Amino acid sequence: MTFLPISRSGAASNGTCPSTPILLVYPKISRLYENVIAQIKKGLQEVVHAEVGACSIDGLPSSTQDSDSKTIIAVGESAFAASIHTYHKATVVPILVRELPQGARSGISLFLDPQIYIQQLIELSPEVKVVTLIYRDDVPRSFIDAVKTAAAAHDLRFAAMSVATIRDAALAVEAVMRSAGPQDGVWFQRGVVGMNADILVPKIVGLSWEKKVPVFTDEADYVARGMLFAMTQDYLAIGRSVAKLIDSAGPGIRYASGPKRVLNRRTAQAIGIALRTAQEKAFDYVYQ
């Protein structure tokens, strides 16, 4: 999920943050993401059985003060920074962050557990021997290491390419996909394809079909355009997970689990995957 900075007048909430046992604080967002916040809040309430308030950072008090809320759940780095500045004595738990921010004891990552992707790849393409990750250069090293560990756990060789520009991404696609075959799985990590989807997606999908290479991502929109599968955040599950984390004594950041799964059946057929009914049913949505 990418939060889009917008003007104060366009934020989902400009009011004073409520005094509730649990308070969900989120960045200034476009209306497109209001349902995301609603799903996180709903998941929280299902587990904690307590009133959960929500407000954007625009609703936070302008000066530092004590909070009547027992726990503040901060969505993203900017909401965490604003929350710990305002409510310096409250417990603030960051969620959907790249790394655990300084001052946080525990939190939930922006990234899904890499194990989930690798397991899904092997389920669809058991002949795969190598997984290559193409990722934005701002992705934390800890995540790259986690992907490498997940690949090794399934006896897969691991390779990775970092990209910073659209030119880097185009060159990486050409280099990786031209030499790849059915024993290769290629993961286009968050943000890479979005550098210029109109250029990159047709090239990726065309080479995937030509070379019989399974390609996957964590952005569902590109599955509709021909990539094999994607795993995306289930925000209701995120809410449930953070509710359990509130009572957890263990420090550190946790990868989100319980994703939404999306599959492109036409691409599966084009690259030689004979889908079983049970495999299709494991996906939340299947593009024809």
Foldseek 3Di string as FASTA:
>chain_A
DDFDDDDPVQFPAQAAWDQWQEEEEEERHHPVCPVLVVLLLLLQCVAPVTDYTYDYLNNADPQADAGNHQEYEYEEDVRQVSVCRRHVPHQYEYECYLFQDPPHFEYAHVAAQLLVVVVLCCVQQVLAAEEEEEEEPPRDPVNVVRNCVSCVVVNHHYHYHYDHALVSLVVVLCVVLVPDASNYEYEYEPPSCVNDVVPPLVSNQVSCLVRLYQYEYQDQVSQLVHHFKHWYADSSQVSNVVSVVVPDPHGGYHYGDDTAMEGEVVSSVSSPGDDDPVSVVVHPYYHD
